[in-house]
Amino acid sequence: MQSKRRYVFAIGATLGAVSMMILSLSTGWVVTSGLAKTSATNMSQSAVIDSLVPICIHQFKAHDSAANSLLALKKMETWEREGYVSDKGWATMPGSTSPARGVARECASQLIAMG
């Protein structure tokens, strides 16, 4: 009788531990190091883009033919806009020789939304 109780207790403890692990991982109570690293990378890239887009918009507005450029941008397909903003140099930050990664797409999106 004593060994049967120990057996039932061991099975219950094992099932409880497995259930708790599944529940905590699936509900987000516990975060793996890989998920934390991916999340931190995405958040930092997003923060950099968010801080550089206003510079891109300012460079666009400082351009002589901003109104005409906005009309041209609106006529383009969504997939063409990023290249257009990059080619015009608006997504190239001062002191840099190439467009900042991801800035042109977000800049074009915000320019379309503004105008």
PDB file of N, CA and C in Angstrom:
ATOM      1  N   MET A   1       0.807  -1.183   0.000  1.00  0.00           N
ATOM      2  CA  MET A   1       0.000   0.000   0.000  1.00  0.00           C
ATOM      3  C   MET A   1       0.860   1.261   0.000  1.00  0.00           C
ATOM      4  N   GLN A   2       1.947   1.202   0.802  1.00  0.00           N
ATOM      5  CA  GLN A   2       2.859   2.341   0.900  1.00  0.00           C
ATOM      6  C   GLN A   2       3.541   2.608  -0.441  1.00  0.00           C
ATOM      7  N   SER A   3       3.954   1.568  -1.153  1.00  0.00           N
ATOM      8  CA  SER A   3       4.635   1.741  -2.434  1.00  0.00           C
ATOM      9  C   SER A   3       3.674   2.257  -3.504  1.00  0.00           C
ATOM     10  N   LYS A   4       2.394   1.889  -3.398  1.00  0.00           N
ATOM     11  CA  LYS A   4       1.398   2.359  -4.353  1.00  0.00           C
ATOM     12  C   LYS A   4       1.203   3.862  -4.183  1.00  0.00           C
ATOM     13  N   ARG A   5       1.195   4.353  -2.934  1.00  0.00           N
ATOM     14  CA  ARG A   5       1.054   5.785  -2.680  1.00  0.00           C
ATOM     15  C   ARG A   5       2.256   6.554  -3.240  1.00  0.00           C
ATOM     16  N   ARG A   6       3.442   6.004  -3.051  1.00  0.00           N
ATOM     17  CA  ARG A   6       4.638   6.651  -3.577  1.00  0.00           C
ATOM     18  C   ARG A   6       4.589   6.700  -5.099  1.00  0.00           C
ATOM     19  N   TYR A   7       4.118   5.641  -5.704  1.00  0.00           N
ATOM     20  CA  TYR A   7       4.001   5.580  -7.159  1.00  0.00           C
ATOM     21  C   TYR A   7       3.020   6.635  -7.655  1.00  0.00           C
ATOM     22  N   VAL A   8       1.860   6.722  -7.025  1.00  0.00           N
ATOM     23  CA  VAL A   8       0.846   7.714  -7.414  1.00  0.00           C
ATOM     24  C   VAL A   8       1.384   9.124  -7.186  1.00  0.00           C
ATOM     25  N   PHE A   9       2.086   9.342  -6.075  1.00  0.00           N
ATOM     26  CA  PHE A   9       2.670  10.637  -5.779  1.00  0.00           C
ATOM     27  C   PHE A   9       3.712  11.025  -6.829  1.00  0.00           C
ATOM     28  N   ALA A  10       4.556  10.087  -7.229  1.00  0.00           N
ATOM     29  CA  ALA A  10       5.599  10.347  -8.226  1.00  0.00           C
ATOM     30  C   ALA A  10       4.988  10.706  -9.576  1.00  0.00           C
ATOM     31  N   ILE A  11       3.939   9.963  -9.947  1.00  0.00           N
ATOM     32  CA  ILE A  11       3.261  10.257 -11.215  1.00  0.00           C
ATOM     33  C   ILE A  11       2.606  11.636 -11.147  1.00  0.00           C
ATOM     34  N   GLY A  12       1.939  11.950 -10.052  1.00  0.00           N
ATOM     35  CA  GLY A  12       1.296  13.257  -9.903  1.00  0.00           C
ATOM     36  C   GLY A  12       2.299  14.399  -9.912  1.00  0.00           C
ATOM     37  N   ALA A  13       3.415  14.214  -9.234  1.00  0.00           N
ATOM     38  CA  ALA A  13       4.453  15.254  -9.206  1.00  0.00           C
ATOM     39  C   ALA A  13       5.046  15.466 -10.593  1.00  0.00           C
ATOM     40  N   THR A  14       5.286  14.376 -11.307  1.00  0.00           N
ATOM     41  CA  THR A  14       5.849  14.480 -12.653  1.00  0.00           C
ATOM     42  C   THR A  14       4.873  15.173 -13.596  1.00  0.00           C
ATOM     43  N   LEU A  15       3.615  14.758 -13.574  1.00  0.00           N
ATOM     44  CA  LEU A  15       2.606  15.390 -14.428  1.00  0.00           C
ATOM     45  C   LEU A  15       2.422  16.870 -14.066  1.00  0.00           C
ATOM     46  N   GLY A  16       2.453  17.178 -12.786  1.00  0.00           N
ATOM     47  CA  GLY A  16       2.326  18.569 -12.354  1.00  0.00           C
ATOM     48  C   GLY A  16       3.493  19.420 -12.827  1.00  0.00           C
ATOM     49  N   ALA A  17       4.709  18.884 -12.736  1.00  0.00           N
ATOM     50  CA  ALA A  17       5.894  19.626 -13.175  1.00  0.00           C
ATOM     51  C   ALA A  17       5.866  19.856 -14.683  1.00  0.00           C
ATOM     52  N   VAL A  18       5.510  18.833 -15.440  1.00  0.00           N
ATOM     53  CA  VAL A  18       5.432  18.966 -16.894  1.00  0.00           C
ATOM     54  C   VAL A  18       4.340  19.955 -17.278  1.00  0.00           C
ATOM     55  N   SER A  19       3.186  19.862 -16.621  1.00  0.00           N
ATOM     56  CA  SER A  19       2.085  20.785 -16.907  1.00  0.00           C
ATOM     57  C   SER A  19       2.479  22.223 -16.603  1.00  0.00           C
ATOM     58  N   MET A  20       3.147  22.420 -15.483  1.00  0.00           N
ATOM     59  CA  MET A  20       3.567  23.762 -15.104  1.00  0.00           C
ATOM     60  C   MET A  20       4.580  24.325 -16.103  1.00  0.00           C
ATOM     61  N   MET A  21       5.495  23.491 -16.578  1.00  0.00           N
ATOM     62  CA  MET A  21       6.487  23.937 -17.552  1.00  0.00           C
ATOM     63  C   MET A  21       5.805  24.318 -18.865  1.00  0.00           C
ATOM     64  N   ILE A  22       4.893  23.509 -19.336  1.00  0.00           N
ATOM     65  CA  ILE A  22       4.171  23.796 -20.577  1.00  0.00           C
ATOM     66  C   ILE A  22       3.347  25.069 -20.427  1.00  0.00           C
ATOM     67  N   LEU A  23       2.645  25.201 -19.319  1.00  0.00           N
ATOM     68  CA  LEU A  23       1.821  26.372 -19.078  1.00  0.00           C
ATOM     69  C   LEU A  23       2.661  27.638 -18.999  1.00  0.00           C
ATOM     70  N   SER A  24       3.764  27.607 -18.289  1.00  0.00           N
ATOM     71  CA  SER A  24       4.575  28.813 -18.113  1.00  0.00           C
ATOM     72  C   SER A  24       5.260  29.234 -19.408  1.00  0.00           C
ATOM     73  N   LEU A  25       5.682  28.282 -20.223  1.00  0.00           N
ATOM     74  CA  LEU A  25       6.313  28.632 -21.496  1.00  0.00           C
ATOM     75  C   LEU A  25       5.298  29.115 -22.523  1.00  0.00           C
ATOM     76  N   SER A  26       4.129  28.512 -22.543  1.00  0.00           N
ATOM     77  CA  SER A  26       3.142  28.883 -23.560  1.00  0.00           C
ATOM     78  C   SER A  26       2.434  30.193 -23.246  1.00  0.00           C
ATOM     79  N   THR A  27       2.365  30.589 -21.999  1.00  0.00           N
ATOM     80  CA  THR A  27       1.690  31.841 -21.645  1.00  0.00           C
ATOM     81  C   THR A  27       2.644  33.008 -21.554  1.00  0.00           C
ATOM     82  N   GLY A  28       3.945  32.760 -21.701  1.00  0.00           N
ATOM     83  CA  GLY A  28       4.913  33.848 -21.663  1.00  0.00           C
ATOM     84  C   GLY A  28       5.420  34.175 -20.276  1.00  0.00           C
ATOM     85  N   TRP A  29       5.124  33.344 -19.297  1.00  0.00           N
ATOM     86  CA  TRP A  29       5.623  33.590 -17.943  1.00  0.00           C
ATOM     87  C   TRP A  29       7.127  33.418 -17.895  1.00  0.00           C
ATOM     88  N   VAL A  30       7.638  32.528 -18.728  1.00  0.00           N
ATOM     89  CA  VAL A  30       9.065  32.268 -18.797  1.00  0.00           C
ATOM     90  C   VAL A  30       9.498  32.565 -20.225  1.00  0.00           C
ATOM     91  N   VAL A  31      10.613  33.283 -20.381  1.00  0.00           N
ATOM     92  CA  VAL A  31      11.116  33.639 -21.700  1.00  0.00           C
ATOM     93  C   VAL A  31      12.482  32.982 -21.875  1.00  0.00           C
ATOM     94  N   THR A  32      12.651  32.317 -22.998  1.00  0.00           N
ATOM     95  CA  THR A  32      13.941  31.688 -23.261  1.00  0.00           C
ATOM     96  C   THR A  32      14.966  32.754 -23.643  1.00  0.00           C
ATOM     97  N   SER A  33      16.226  32.444 -23.522  1.00  0.00           N
ATOM     98  CA  SER A  33      17.275  33.414 -23.844  1.00  0.00           C
ATOM     99  C   SER A  33      17.254  33.772 -25.333  1.00  0.00           C
ATOM    100  N   GLY A  34      16.940  32.820 -26.177  1.00  0.00           N
ATOM    101  CA  GLY A  34      16.858  33.095 -27.616  1.00  0.00           C
ATOM    102  C   GLY A  34      15.748  34.081 -27.944  1.00  0.00           C
ATOM    103  N   LEU A  35      14.595  33.888 -27.327  1.00  0.00           N
ATOM    104  CA  LEU A  35      13.475  34.802 -27.549  1.00  0.00           C
ATOM    105  C   LEU A  35      13.784  36.189 -26.991  1.00  0.00           C
ATOM    106  N   ALA A  36      14.440  36.243 -25.850  1.00  0.00           N
ATOM    107  CA  ALA A  36      14.805  37.527 -25.258  1.00  0.00           C
ATOM    108  C   ALA A  36      15.793  38.271 -26.147  1.00  0.00           C
ATOM    109  N   LYS A  37      16.761  37.548 -26.702  1.00  0.00           N
ATOM    110  CA  LYS A  37      17.750  38.182 -27.578  1.00  0.00           C
ATOM    111  C   LYS A  37      17.096  38.689 -28.860  1.00  0.00           C
ATOM    112  N   THR A  38      16.224  37.891 -29.452  1.00  0.00           N
ATOM    113  CA  THR A  38      15.510  38.304 -30.666  1.00  0.00           C
ATOM    114  C   THR A  38      14.651  39.526 -30.397  1.00  0.00           C
ATOM    115  N   SER A  39      13.944  39.516 -29.289  1.00  0.00           N
ATOM    116  CA  SER A  39      13.090  40.638 -28.923  1.00  0.00           C
ATOM    117  C   SER A  39      13.916  41.904 -28.695  1.00  0.00           C
ATOM    118  N   ALA A  40      15.041  41.785 -28.022  1.00  0.00           N
ATOM    119  CA  ALA A  40      15.899  42.944 -27.768  1.00  0.00           C
ATOM    120  C   ALA A  40      16.479  43.500 -29.063  1.00  0.00           C
ATOM    121  N   THR A  41      16.874  42.625 -29.963  1.00  0.00           N
ATOM    122  CA  THR A  41      17.407  43.067 -31.257  1.00  0.00           C
ATOM    123  C   THR A  41      16.344  43.805 -32.048  1.00  0.00           C
ATOM    124  N   ASN A  42      15.142  43.243 -32.111  1.00  0.00           N
ATOM    125  CA  ASN A  42      14.051  43.895 -32.841  1.00  0.00           C
ATOM    126  C   ASN A  42      13.699  45.250 -32.237  1.00  0.00           C
ATOM    127  N   MET A  43      13.676  45.319 -30.919  1.00  0.00           N
ATOM    128  CA  MET A  43      13.342  46.578 -30.253  1.00  0.00           C
ATOM    129  C   MET A  43      14.413  47.632 -30.502  1.00  0.00           C
ATOM    130  N   SER A  44      15.673  47.247 -30.480  1.00  0.00           N
ATOM    131  CA  SER A  44      16.735  48.223 -30.705  1.00  0.00           C
ATOM    132  C   SER A  44      16.743  48.700 -32.157  1.00  0.00           C
ATOM    133  N   GLN A  45      16.523  47.807 -33.107  1.00  0.00           N
ATOM    134  CA  GLN A  45      16.450  48.214 -34.513  1.00  0.00           C
ATOM    135  C   GLN A  45      15.276  49.149 -34.744  1.00  0.00           C
ATOM    136  N   SER A  46      14.156  48.844 -34.128  1.00  0.00           N
ATOM    137  CA  SER A  46      12.980  49.702 -34.249  1.00  0.00           C
ATOM    138  C   SER A  46      13.235  51.080 -33.649  1.00  0.00           C
ATOM    139  N   ALA A  47      13.932  51.124 -32.524  1.00  0.00           N
ATOM    140  CA  ALA A  47      14.235  52.408 -31.884  1.00  0.00           C
ATOM    141  C   ALA A  47      15.167  53.253 -32.748  1.00  0.00           C
ATOM    142  N   VAL A  48      16.142  52.617 -33.372  1.00  0.00           N
ATOM    143  CA  VAL A  48      17.058  53.349 -34.251  1.00  0.00           C
ATOM    144  C   VAL A  48      16.298  53.904 -35.448  1.00  0.00           C
ATOM    145  N   ILE A  49      15.467  53.087 -36.062  1.00  0.00           N
ATOM    146  CA  ILE A  49      14.685  53.543 -37.216  1.00  0.00           C
ATOM    147  C   ILE A  49      13.767  54.687 -36.802  1.00  0.00           C
ATOM    148  N   ASP A  50      13.098  54.546 -35.662  1.00  0.00           N
ATOM    149  CA  ASP A  50      12.193  55.594 -35.196  1.00  0.00           C
ATOM    150  C   ASP A  50      12.918  56.908 -34.940  1.00  0.00           C
ATOM    151  N   SER A  51      14.170  56.839 -34.526  1.00  0.00           N
ATOM    152  CA  SER A  51      14.911  58.072 -34.266  1.00  0.00           C
ATOM    153  C   SER A  51      15.485  58.684 -35.544  1.00  0.00           C
ATOM    154  N   LEU A  52      15.672  57.903 -36.599  1.00  0.00           N
ATOM    155  CA  LEU A  52      16.239  58.420 -37.841  1.00  0.00           C
ATOM    156  C   LEU A  52      15.196  58.873 -38.856  1.00  0.00           C
ATOM    157  N   VAL A  53      13.986  58.375 -38.762  1.00  0.00           N
ATOM    158  CA  VAL A  53      12.943  58.747 -39.721  1.00  0.00           C
ATOM    159  C   VAL A  53      12.654  60.251 -39.713  1.00  0.00           C
ATOM    160  N   PRO A  54      12.591  60.917 -38.560  1.00  0.00           N
ATOM    161  CA  PRO A  54      12.374  62.377 -38.601  1.00  0.00           C
ATOM    162  C   PRO A  54      13.472  63.126 -39.371  1.00  0.00           C
ATOM    163  N   ILE A  55      14.695  62.625 -39.341  1.00  0.00           N
ATOM    164  CA  ILE A  55      15.777  63.245 -40.110  1.00  0.00           C
ATOM    165  C   ILE A  55      15.517  63.062 -41.602  1.00  0.00           C
ATOM    166  N   CYS A  56      15.082  61.882 -41.970  1.00  0.00           N
ATOM    167  CA  CYS A  56      14.741  61.597 -43.361  1.00  0.00           C
ATOM    168  C   CYS A  56      13.623  62.521 -43.837  1.00  0.00           C
ATOM    169  N   ILE A  57      12.600  62.676 -43.025  1.00  0.00           N
ATOM    170  CA  ILE A  57      11.475  63.541 -43.389  1.00  0.00           C
ATOM    171  C   ILE A  57      11.943  64.991 -43.505  1.00  0.00           C
ATOM    172  N   HIS A  58      12.793  65.418 -42.604  1.00  0.00           N
ATOM    173  CA  HIS A  58      13.325  66.782 -42.659  1.00  0.00           C
ATOM    174  C   HIS A  58      14.129  66.985 -43.945  1.00  0.00           C
ATOM    175  N   GLN A  59      14.956  66.013 -44.311  1.00  0.00           N
ATOM    176  CA  GLN A  59      15.740  66.112 -45.545  1.00  0.00           C
ATOM    177  C   GLN A  59      14.834  66.135 -46.768  1.00  0.00           C
ATOM    178  N   PHE A  60      13.742  65.394 -46.706  1.00  0.00           N
ATOM    179  CA  PHE A  60      12.771  65.415 -47.795  1.00  0.00           C
ATOM    180  C   PHE A  60      12.139  66.799 -47.926  1.00  0.00           C
ATOM    181  N   LYS A  61      11.685  67.354 -46.802  1.00  0.00           N
ATOM    182  CA  LYS A  61      11.029  68.660 -46.825  1.00  0.00           C
ATOM    183  C   LYS A  61      11.982  69.780 -47.228  1.00  0.00           C
ATOM    184  N   ALA A  62      13.271  69.633 -46.938  1.00  0.00           N
ATOM    185  CA  ALA A  62      14.260  70.652 -47.288  1.00  0.00           C
ATOM    186  C   ALA A  62      14.586  70.638 -48.784  1.00  0.00           C
ATOM    187  N   HIS A  63      14.190  69.588 -49.467  1.00  0.00           N
ATOM    188  CA  HIS A  63      14.436  69.458 -50.903  1.00  0.00           C
ATOM    189  C   HIS A  63      13.599  70.491 -51.648  1.00  0.00           C
ATOM    190  N   ASP A  64      14.144  71.043 -52.728  1.00  0.00           N
ATOM    191  CA  ASP A  64      13.470  72.109 -53.481  1.00  0.00           C
ATOM    192  C   ASP A  64      12.119  71.686 -54.050  1.00  0.00           C
ATOM    193  N   SER A  65      12.040  70.504 -54.580  1.00  0.00           N
ATOM    194  CA  SER A  65      10.791  70.059 -55.213  1.00  0.00           C
ATOM    195  C   SER A  65      10.108  68.981 -54.374  1.00  0.00           C
ATOM    196  N   ALA A  66       9.922  69.266 -53.103  1.00  0.00           N
ATOM    197  CA  ALA A  66       9.313  68.282 -52.200  1.00  0.00           C
ATOM    198  C   ALA A  66       7.888  67.942 -52.616  1.00  0.00           C
ATOM    199  N   ALA A  67       7.130  68.940 -53.054  1.00  0.00           N
ATOM    200  CA  ALA A  67       5.738  68.691 -53.448  1.00  0.00           C
ATOM    201  C   ALA A  67       5.670  67.755 -54.648  1.00  0.00           C
ATOM    202  N   ASN A  68       6.516  68.007 -55.639  1.00  0.00           N
ATOM    203  CA  ASN A  68       6.539  67.140 -56.829  1.00  0.00           C
ATOM    204  C   ASN A  68       7.028  65.738 -56.475  1.00  0.00           C
ATOM    205  N   SER A  69       7.998  65.676 -55.590  1.00  0.00           N
ATOM    206  CA  SER A  69       8.524  64.372 -55.164  1.00  0.00           C
ATOM    207  C   SER A  69       7.470  63.573 -54.411  1.00  0.00           C
ATOM    208  N   LEU A  70       6.663  64.268 -53.616  1.00  0.00           N
ATOM    209  CA  LEU A  70       5.594  63.587 -52.887  1.00  0.00           C
ATOM    210  C   LEU A  70       4.544  63.042 -53.856  1.00  0.00           C
ATOM    211  N   LEU A  71       4.220  63.821 -54.878  1.00  0.00           N
ATOM    212  CA  LEU A  71       3.276  63.329 -55.890  1.00  0.00           C
ATOM    213  C   LEU A  71       3.836  62.094 -56.599  1.00  0.00           C
ATOM    214  N   ALA A  72       5.109  62.155 -56.950  1.00  0.00           N
ATOM    215  CA  ALA A  72       5.742  61.002 -57.605  1.00  0.00           C
ATOM    216  C   ALA A  72       5.746  59.789 -56.678  1.00  0.00           C
ATOM    217  N   LEU A  73       6.022  60.026 -55.407  1.00  0.00           N
ATOM    218  CA  LEU A  73       6.047  58.940 -54.421  1.00  0.00           C
ATOM    219  C   LEU A  73       4.674  58.296 -54.279  1.00  0.00           C
ATOM    220  N   LYS A  74       3.632  59.102 -54.286  1.00  0.00           N
ATOM    221  CA  LYS A  74       2.267  58.582 -54.151  1.00  0.00           C
ATOM    222  C   LYS A  74       1.852  57.738 -55.355  1.00  0.00           C
ATOM    223  N   LYS A  75       2.375  58.066 -56.517  1.00  0.00           N
ATOM    224  CA  LYS A  75       2.014  57.335 -57.732  1.00  0.00           C
ATOM    225  C   LYS A  75       2.707  55.981 -57.825  1.00  0.00           C
ATOM    226  N   MET A  76       3.761  55.806 -57.053  1.00  0.00           N
ATOM    227  CA  MET A  76       4.544  54.566 -57.117  1.00  0.00           C
ATOM    228  C   MET A  76       3.863  53.437 -56.365  1.00  0.00           C
ATOM    229  N   GLU A  77       4.239  52.233 -56.750  1.00  0.00           N
ATOM    230  CA  GLU A  77       3.818  51.051 -56.003  1.00  0.00           C
ATOM    231  C   GLU A  77       4.554  51.051 -54.667  1.00  0.00           C
ATOM    232  N   THR A  78       3.985  50.381 -53.693  1.00  0.00           N
ATOM    233  CA  THR A  78       4.574  50.346 -52.353  1.00  0.00           C
ATOM    234  C   THR A  78       6.011  49.835 -52.378  1.00  0.00           C
ATOM    235  N   TRP A  79       6.280  48.820 -53.159  1.00  0.00           N
ATOM    236  CA  TRP A  79       7.612  48.227 -53.190  1.00  0.00           C
ATOM    237  C   TRP A  79       8.642  49.125 -53.863  1.00  0.00           C
ATOM    238  N   GLU A  80       8.221  50.127 -54.639  1.00  0.00           N
ATOM    239  CA  GLU A  80       9.137  51.037 -55.314  1.00  0.00           C
ATOM    240  C   GLU A  80       9.547  52.221 -54.435  1.00  0.00           C
ATOM    241  N   ARG A  81       8.741  52.537 -53.463  1.00  0.00           N
ATOM    242  CA  ARG A  81       8.946  53.753 -52.666  1.00  0.00           C
ATOM    243  C   ARG A  81      10.247  53.743 -51.884  1.00  0.00           C
ATOM    244  N   GLU A  82      10.597  52.616 -51.300  1.00  0.00           N
ATOM    245  CA  GLU A  82      11.822  52.533 -50.519  1.00  0.00           C
ATOM    246  C   GLU A  82      13.048  52.866 -51.375  1.00  0.00           C
ATOM    247  N   GLY A  83      13.089  52.323 -52.572  1.00  0.00           N
ATOM    248  CA  GLY A  83      14.203  52.597 -53.482  1.00  0.00           C
ATOM    249  C   GLY A  83      14.255  54.055 -53.904  1.00  0.00           C
ATOM    250  N   TYR A  84      13.088  54.645 -54.107  1.00  0.00           N
ATOM    251  CA  TYR A  84      13.013  56.051 -54.510  1.00  0.00           C
ATOM    252  C   TYR A  84      13.573  56.957 -53.412  1.00  0.00           C
ATOM    253  N   VAL A  85      13.148  56.718 -52.186  1.00  0.00           N
ATOM    254  CA  VAL A  85      13.630  57.525 -51.055  1.00  0.00           C
ATOM    255  C   VAL A  85      15.127  57.321 -50.860  1.00  0.00           C
ATOM    256  N   SER A  86      15.591  56.103 -51.008  1.00  0.00           N
ATOM    257  CA  SER A  86      17.030  55.825 -50.881  1.00  0.00           C
ATOM    258  C   SER A  86      17.831  56.495 -51.987  1.00  0.00           C
ATOM    259  N   ASP A  87      17.332  56.375 -53.218  1.00  0.00           N
ATOM    260  CA  ASP A  87      18.038  56.944 -54.371  1.00  0.00           C
ATOM    261  C   ASP A  87      18.139  58.468 -54.285  1.00  0.00           C
ATOM    262  N   LYS A  88      17.123  59.099 -53.746  1.00  0.00           N
ATOM    263  CA  LYS A  88      17.136  60.561 -53.605  1.00  0.00           C
ATOM    264  C   LYS A  88      18.067  61.025 -52.486  1.00  0.00           C
ATOM    265  N   GLY A  89      18.483  60.107 -51.625  1.00  0.00           N
ATOM    266  CA  GLY A  89      19.419  60.447 -50.564  1.00  0.00           C
ATOM    267  C   GLY A  89      18.786  60.904 -49.270  1.00  0.00           C
ATOM    268  N   TRP A  90      17.482  60.862 -49.178  1.00  0.00           N
ATOM    269  CA  TRP A  90      16.804  61.344 -47.972  1.00  0.00           C
ATOM    270  C   TRP A  90      17.025  60.408 -46.789  1.00  0.00           C
ATOM    271  N   ALA A  91      17.227  59.130 -47.045  1.00  0.00           N
ATOM    272  CA  ALA A  91      17.442  58.159 -45.968  1.00  0.00           C
ATOM    273  C   ALA A  91      18.918  58.011 -45.607  1.00  0.00           C
ATOM    274  N   THR A  92      19.775  58.763 -46.292  1.00  0.00           N
ATOM    275  CA  THR A  92      21.194  58.764 -45.966  1.00  0.00           C
ATOM    276  C   THR A  92      21.421  59.818 -44.894  1.00  0.00           C
ATOM    277  N   MET A  93      21.877  59.389 -43.761  1.00  0.00           N
ATOM    278  CA  MET A  93      22.054  60.290 -42.627  1.00  0.00           C
ATOM    279  C   MET A  93      23.301  61.157 -42.811  1.00  0.00           C
ATOM    280  N   PRO A  94      23.269  62.361 -42.267  1.00  0.00           N
ATOM    281  CA  PRO A  94      24.448  63.235 -42.368  1.00  0.00           C
ATOM    282  C   PRO A  94      25.698  62.525 -41.831  1.00  0.00           C
ATOM    283  N   GLY A  95      26.769  62.614 -42.605  1.00  0.00           N
ATOM    284  CA  GLY A  95      28.013  61.956 -42.232  1.00  0.00           C
ATOM    285  C   GLY A  95      28.120  60.527 -42.723  1.00  0.00           C
ATOM    286  N   SER A  96      27.080  60.025 -43.363  1.00  0.00           N
ATOM    287  CA  SER A  96      27.060  58.653 -43.858  1.00  0.00           C
ATOM    288  C   SER A  96      27.096  58.662 -45.376  1.00  0.00           C
ATOM    289  N   THR A  97      27.510  57.562 -45.964  1.00  0.00           N
ATOM    290  CA  THR A  97      27.574  57.482 -47.421  1.00  0.00           C
ATOM    291  C   THR A  97      26.487  56.589 -48.017  1.00  0.00           C
ATOM    292  N   SER A  98      25.753  55.894 -47.172  1.00  0.00           N
ATOM    293  CA  SER A  98      24.705  55.001 -47.677  1.00  0.00           C
ATOM    294  C   SER A  98      23.458  55.140 -46.806  1.00  0.00           C
ATOM    295  N   PRO A  99      22.313  54.791 -47.365  1.00  0.00           N
ATOM    296  CA  PRO A  99      21.069  54.906 -46.603  1.00  0.00           C
ATOM    297  C   PRO A  99      21.068  54.011 -45.364  1.00  0.00           C
ATOM    298  N   ALA A 100      20.472  54.499 -44.309  1.00  0.00           N
ATOM    299  CA  ALA A 100      20.330  53.702 -43.085  1.00  0.00           C
ATOM    300  C   ALA A 100      19.327  52.593 -43.349  1.00  0.00           C
ATOM    301  N   ARG A 101      19.652  51.412 -42.912  1.00  0.00           N
ATOM    302  CA  ARG A 101      18.826  50.234 -43.179  1.00  0.00           C
ATOM    303  C   ARG A 101      17.449  50.361 -42.534  1.00  0.00           C
ATOM    304  N   GLY A 102      16.412  50.191 -43.332  1.00  0.00           N
ATOM    305  CA  GLY A 102      15.050  50.210 -42.830  1.00  0.00           C
ATOM    306  C   GLY A 102      14.435  51.593 -42.732  1.00  0.00           C
ATOM    307  N   VAL A 103      15.248  52.636 -42.814  1.00  0.00           N
ATOM    308  CA  VAL A 103      14.742  53.998 -42.646  1.00  0.00           C
ATOM    309  C   VAL A 103      13.931  54.422 -43.864  1.00  0.00           C
ATOM    310  N   ALA A 104      14.387  54.091 -45.062  1.00  0.00           N
ATOM    311  CA  ALA A 104      13.710  54.528 -46.284  1.00  0.00           C
ATOM    312  C   ALA A 104      12.271  54.019 -46.343  1.00  0.00           C
ATOM    313  N   ARG A 105      12.058  52.779 -45.957  1.00  0.00           N
ATOM    314  CA  ARG A 105      10.704  52.202 -46.009  1.00  0.00           C
ATOM    315  C   ARG A 105       9.760  52.940 -45.059  1.00  0.00           C
ATOM    316  N   GLU A 106      10.211  53.146 -43.835  1.00  0.00           N
ATOM    317  CA  GLU A 106       9.370  53.818 -42.849  1.00  0.00           C
ATOM    318  C   GLU A 106       9.193  55.297 -43.200  1.00  0.00           C
ATOM    319  N   CYS A 107      10.247  55.917 -43.717  1.00  0.00           N
ATOM    320  CA  CYS A 107      10.169  57.318 -44.124  1.00  0.00           C
ATOM    321  C   CYS A 107       9.132  57.487 -45.242  1.00  0.00           C
ATOM    322  N   ALA A 108       9.196  56.632 -46.241  1.00  0.00           N
ATOM    323  CA  ALA A 108       8.230  56.694 -47.344  1.00  0.00           C
ATOM    324  C   ALA A 108       6.808  56.494 -46.830  1.00  0.00           C
ATOM    325  N   SER A 109       6.646  55.564 -45.928  1.00  0.00           N
ATOM    326  CA  SER A 109       5.324  55.294 -45.351  1.00  0.00           C
ATOM    327  C   SER A 109       4.781  56.522 -44.621  1.00  0.00           C
ATOM    328  N   GLN A 110       5.630  57.166 -43.840  1.00  0.00           N
ATOM    329  CA  GLN A 110       5.177  58.347 -43.106  1.00  0.00           C
ATOM    330  C   GLN A 110       4.950  59.540 -44.016  1.00  0.00           C
ATOM    331  N   LEU A 111       5.748  59.665 -45.075  1.00  0.00           N
ATOM    332  CA  LEU A 111       5.537  60.756 -46.025  1.00  0.00           C
ATOM    333  C   LEU A 111       4.196  60.597 -46.726  1.00  0.00           C
ATOM    334  N   ILE A 112       3.863  59.382 -47.114  1.00  0.00           N
ATOM    335  CA  ILE A 112       2.566  59.124 -47.755  1.00  0.00           C
ATOM    336  C   ILE A 112       1.432  59.447 -46.787  1.00  0.00           C
ATOM    337  N   ALA A 113       1.594  59.061 -45.524  1.00  0.00           N
ATOM    338  CA  ALA A 113       0.553  59.308 -44.539  1.00  0.00           C
ATOM    339  C   ALA A 113       0.393  60.794 -44.253  1.00  0.00           C
ATOM    340  N   MET A 114       1.473  61.567 -44.309  1.00  0.00           N
ATOM    341  CA  MET A 114       1.408  63.001 -44.053  1.00  0.00           C
ATOM    342  C   MET A 114       0.760  63.765 -45.186  1.00  0.00           C
ATOM    343  N   GLY A 115       1.083  63.360 -46.414  1.00  0.00           N
ATOM    344  CA  GLY A 115       0.678  64.157 -47.557  1.00  0.00           C
ATOM    345  C   GLY A 115      -0.568  63.698 -48.171  1.00  0.00           C
TER     346      GLY A 115
END
